[in-house]
Amino acid sequence: LDVKVVKTKDGLEFSGSDMFQKFDKPEMYGGVIDNYIKFGNNQPCMCFCINVEHSKRTAKEFNLRGIPAVHVDGTSKDRKKIFKDFENGKYKVLCNVAVATTGYDNPKVYCIILNRMIYSESLFIQITGRASRPSEGKDHFIYIDHGNNITRHGRWHDEREYNLDPVRMSQKRGVAPTKQCESCECIISLNTVQCPYCEYVHPVKPKSKEDEASELLQAEF
């Protein structure tokens, strides 16, 4: 299913209805919980979903798997209590739609789940940055990407160039190529030999004759 890009009040973004049709499947919900169990270390987590129904169903799946989770959105009347309960550890996972994207500061958050596709680079940085708040004993955080957002925007900690030149701003920024670590499955730079997360050393594959010929042509050019 192709997901259209539409114009919203905040700019361009992927169509919510298209995304929901793509993500609203048992295997998608199951994959979110499986990856939280695998990578989330049972730590406080914020899961960013497509719409209210998607968030509620995701929270339900977490609870069915024995992981305390709760849904919150802009219409939740007990929103303050939900956030307080989450901060006090009553829930491990806070499934939400838009309400915790900016301005929410909880240093205990260790894991971010991108349970959606994100077109806007600034929104991607804001969402993943919810887990970047420093806290005693916290030297890193993780984000689990179910929307292929890292290949679209790069990693959260990648260096980015910002300027006010409309000509330069209109040019699409190239994203540094990445790969998935064969051991821990984290996303790392394409040319990385030793994974910085699990220290696995990736074998260097011998170059094919086609690769060598291509490099020779580029050098001669």
Protein backbone atom coordinates (compact mmCIF):
# COMPACT_ATOMS: atom_id res chain seq x y z
CA LEU A 1 0.00 0.00 0.00
CA ASP A 2 1.38 3.39 -1.04
CA VAL A 3 1.00 6.04 1.65
CA LYS A 4 0.22 9.47 0.25
CA VAL A 5 1.76 12.70 1.47
CA VAL A 6 -0.87 15.32 2.32
CA LYS A 7 -0.86 18.95 3.41
CA THR A 8 -1.77 19.57 7.05
CA LYS A 9 -1.94 22.70 9.22
CA ASP A 10 1.64 21.97 10.29
CA GLY A 11 2.98 21.24 6.80
CA LEU A 12 3.36 18.08 4.74
CA GLU A 13 2.83 14.71 6.42
CA PHE A 14 1.88 11.16 5.53
CA SER A 15 -1.84 10.46 5.21
CA GLY A 16 -3.23 9.19 8.52
CA SER A 17 -5.91 7.06 6.84
CA ASP A 18 -3.37 5.43 4.52
CA MET A 19 -1.00 4.74 7.41
CA PHE A 20 -3.76 3.25 9.55
CA GLN A 21 -4.75 0.92 6.73
CA LYS A 22 -1.13 -0.18 6.44
CA PHE A 23 -0.43 -0.55 10.18
CA ASP A 24 -3.76 -1.88 11.46
CA LYS A 25 -2.82 -5.55 11.18
CA PRO A 26 -2.27 -8.23 13.88
CA GLU A 27 1.32 -8.83 12.80
CA MET A 28 2.09 -5.11 13.05
CA TYR A 29 0.76 -4.85 16.60
CA GLY A 30 2.54 -8.05 17.56
CA GLY A 31 5.80 -6.78 16.10
CA VAL A 32 5.67 -3.63 18.24
CA ILE A 33 5.32 -5.64 21.45
CA ASP A 34 7.94 -8.20 20.36
CA ASN A 35 10.51 -5.48 19.71
CA TYR A 36 9.77 -3.71 22.98
CA ILE A 37 10.37 -6.99 24.84
CA LYS A 38 13.56 -7.56 22.82
CA PHE A 39 15.04 -4.07 22.97
CA GLY A 40 13.12 -2.04 25.55
CA ASN A 41 14.54 -3.78 28.63
CA ASN A 42 11.20 -3.34 30.43
CA GLN A 43 11.99 0.37 30.77
CA PRO A 44 9.58 3.35 30.58
CA CYS A 45 8.56 3.77 26.96
CA MET A 46 6.55 6.21 24.86
CA CYS A 47 4.83 4.81 21.78
CA PHE A 48 3.79 7.32 19.10
CA CYS A 49 0.82 6.14 17.06
CA ILE A 50 -1.16 7.22 14.00
CA ASN A 51 -4.59 8.04 15.41
CA VAL A 52 -6.71 7.46 18.52
CA GLU A 53 -7.97 4.02 17.47
CA HIS A 54 -4.46 2.88 16.56
CA SER A 55 -3.12 4.05 19.91
CA LYS A 56 -5.92 2.37 21.87
CA ARG A 57 -5.44 -0.92 20.04
CA THR A 58 -1.68 -0.77 20.57
CA ALA A 59 -2.13 -0.17 24.31
CA LYS A 60 -4.60 -3.06 24.46
CA GLU A 61 -2.08 -5.42 22.81
CA PHE A 62 0.60 -4.40 25.32
CA ASN A 63 -1.76 -5.16 28.22
CA LEU A 64 -2.77 -8.50 26.72
CA ARG A 65 0.93 -9.42 26.68
CA GLY A 66 1.26 -8.53 30.37
CA ILE A 67 2.94 -5.13 29.87
CA PRO A 68 1.07 -2.29 31.66
CA ALA A 69 0.20 0.33 29.05
CA VAL A 70 -2.20 3.23 28.71
CA HIS A 71 -3.53 5.41 25.90
CA VAL A 72 -3.73 9.20 25.98
CA ASP A 73 -4.73 11.81 23.41
CA GLY A 74 -5.84 15.42 23.31
CA THR A 75 -9.41 14.57 24.28
CA SER A 76 -8.53 12.44 27.33
CA LYS A 77 -10.24 14.08 30.33
CA ASP A 78 -7.88 12.47 32.84
CA ARG A 79 -4.76 13.35 30.87
CA LYS A 80 -2.86 14.84 33.83
CA LYS A 81 -3.50 11.75 35.94
CA ILE A 82 -2.40 9.45 33.10
CA PHE A 83 0.90 11.29 32.74
CA LYS A 84 1.40 11.28 36.51
CA ASP A 85 0.69 7.54 36.74
CA PHE A 86 3.12 6.90 33.90
CA GLU A 87 5.83 8.97 35.60
CA ASN A 88 5.24 7.10 38.87
CA GLY A 89 5.68 3.74 37.18
CA LYS A 90 2.09 2.49 37.09
CA TYR A 91 2.45 2.00 33.33
CA LYS A 92 5.50 0.87 31.37
CA VAL A 93 4.24 2.17 28.02
CA LEU A 94 2.43 5.40 27.20
CA CYS A 95 0.68 5.12 23.83
CA ASN A 96 -0.24 8.55 22.54
CA VAL A 97 -1.31 10.59 19.55
CA ALA A 98 0.43 13.99 19.22
CA VAL A 99 0.00 15.11 22.86
CA ALA A 100 3.54 14.24 24.00
CA THR A 101 5.41 15.28 20.86
CA THR A 102 6.75 18.55 22.25
CA GLY A 103 6.96 20.13 25.69
CA TYR A 104 6.81 16.88 27.63
CA ASP A 105 9.83 16.33 29.86
CA ASN A 106 10.19 12.96 31.59
CA PRO A 107 13.84 11.96 32.17
CA LYS A 108 12.77 8.42 33.10
CA VAL A 109 11.77 7.65 29.50
CA TYR A 110 14.30 5.21 28.09
CA CYS A 111 12.61 3.95 24.94
CA ILE A 112 10.71 5.54 22.05
CA ILE A 113 8.61 3.49 19.64
CA LEU A 114 7.87 5.09 16.28
CA ASN A 115 4.67 3.21 15.52
CA ARG A 116 4.04 5.29 12.41
CA MET A 117 5.68 6.89 9.40
CA ILE A 118 6.96 10.46 9.76
CA TYR A 119 7.44 12.77 6.79
CA SER A 120 8.65 15.85 8.68
CA GLU A 121 12.27 15.74 9.81
CA SER A 122 11.60 18.21 12.64
CA LEU A 123 8.75 16.05 13.93
CA PHE A 124 11.02 12.99 13.80
CA ILE A 125 13.67 14.79 15.87
CA GLN A 126 11.08 16.07 18.38
CA ILE A 127 9.51 12.65 18.90
CA THR A 128 12.73 10.68 19.28
CA GLY A 129 14.14 13.45 21.48
CA ARG A 130 11.52 12.76 24.17
CA ALA A 131 13.90 10.10 25.53
CA SER A 132 17.00 12.28 25.38
CA ARG A 133 16.42 14.00 28.75
CA PRO A 134 19.39 13.29 31.03
CA SER A 135 18.85 11.35 34.23
CA GLU A 136 21.11 9.82 36.86
CA GLY A 137 22.43 6.47 35.65
CA LYS A 138 21.08 7.01 32.13
CA ASP A 139 23.81 7.14 29.53
CA HIS A 140 21.79 6.30 26.41
CA PHE A 141 18.29 5.70 25.10
CA ILE A 142 16.84 3.67 22.27
CA TYR A 143 14.15 4.17 19.66
CA ILE A 144 12.41 1.37 17.83
CA ASP A 145 11.46 2.37 14.30
CA HIS A 146 8.46 0.66 12.71
CA GLY A 147 7.98 3.29 10.00
CA ASN A 148 11.30 3.18 8.14
CA ASN A 149 11.94 6.70 9.42
CA ILE A 150 15.68 6.33 9.97
CA THR A 151 16.33 5.69 6.29
CA ARG A 152 14.20 8.77 5.57
CA HIS A 153 15.73 11.20 8.09
CA GLY A 154 18.95 9.63 9.35
CA ARG A 155 19.59 8.88 13.00
CA TRP A 156 18.53 11.21 15.82
CA HIS A 157 22.11 12.02 16.79
CA ASP A 158 23.38 12.63 13.25
CA GLU A 159 24.80 16.10 12.65
CA ARG A 160 22.48 18.36 10.68
CA GLU A 161 23.05 21.67 8.96
CA TYR A 162 20.50 24.43 9.51
CA ASN A 163 20.37 27.82 7.80
CA LEU A 164 17.96 30.56 6.78
CA ASP A 165 18.94 30.63 3.11
CA PRO A 166 15.74 29.77 1.18
CA VAL A 167 17.74 28.45 -1.76
CA ARG A 168 19.78 26.05 0.35
CA MET A 169 16.78 25.10 2.45
CA SER A 170 14.86 24.08 -0.65
CA GLN A 171 17.49 21.51 -1.55
CA LYS A 172 16.74 18.05 -0.18
CA ARG A 173 19.30 16.99 2.40
CA GLY A 174 20.93 13.69 1.58
CA VAL A 175 20.67 11.04 4.31
CA ALA A 176 23.84 9.17 5.17
CA PRO A 177 23.51 5.50 4.14
CA THR A 178 22.98 3.05 6.98
CA LYS A 179 22.78 -0.67 7.61
CA GLN A 180 21.45 -2.95 10.33
CA CYS A 181 23.95 -4.57 12.68
CA GLU A 182 24.02 -8.32 12.05
CA SER A 183 24.25 -8.98 15.79
CA CYS A 184 22.11 -6.49 17.76
CA GLU A 185 20.02 -5.18 14.82
CA CYS A 186 20.73 -1.53 15.66
CA ILE A 187 21.00 0.94 12.78
CA ILE A 188 24.60 2.01 12.17
CA SER A 189 26.50 3.87 9.46
CA LEU A 190 27.04 1.85 6.31
CA ASN A 191 30.84 1.91 6.52
CA THR A 192 31.00 0.97 10.22
CA VAL A 193 33.09 -2.15 10.80
CA GLN A 194 32.67 -2.54 14.59
CA CYS A 195 29.20 -1.86 15.97
CA PRO A 196 29.38 0.88 18.65
CA TYR A 197 26.47 -0.71 20.55
CA CYS A 198 27.37 -4.40 20.81
CA GLU A 199 30.99 -4.27 19.51
CA TYR A 200 30.27 -6.91 16.88
CA VAL A 201 32.86 -6.79 14.10
CA HIS A 202 31.28 -7.03 10.68
CA PRO A 203 33.26 -9.09 8.17
CA VAL A 204 34.67 -7.03 5.33
CA LYS A 205 33.32 -8.47 2.11
CA PRO A 206 35.82 -8.73 -0.77
CA LYS A 207 35.12 -6.38 -3.64
CA SER A 208 33.76 -7.84 -6.81
CA LYS A 209 35.41 -7.22 -10.17
CA GLU A 210 32.47 -4.98 -11.05
CA ASP A 211 33.07 -2.84 -7.93
CA GLU A 212 36.79 -2.57 -8.69
CA ALA A 213 36.08 -1.62 -12.30
CA SER A 214 33.58 1.01 -11.15
CA GLU A 215 36.11 2.54 -8.73
CA LEU A 216 38.73 2.57 -11.50
CA LEU A 217 36.38 4.37 -13.87
CA GLN A 218 35.51 6.96 -11.22
CA ALA A 219 39.19 7.52 -10.44
CA GLU A 220 40.07 7.95 -14.12
CA PHE A 221 37.15 10.32 -14.64
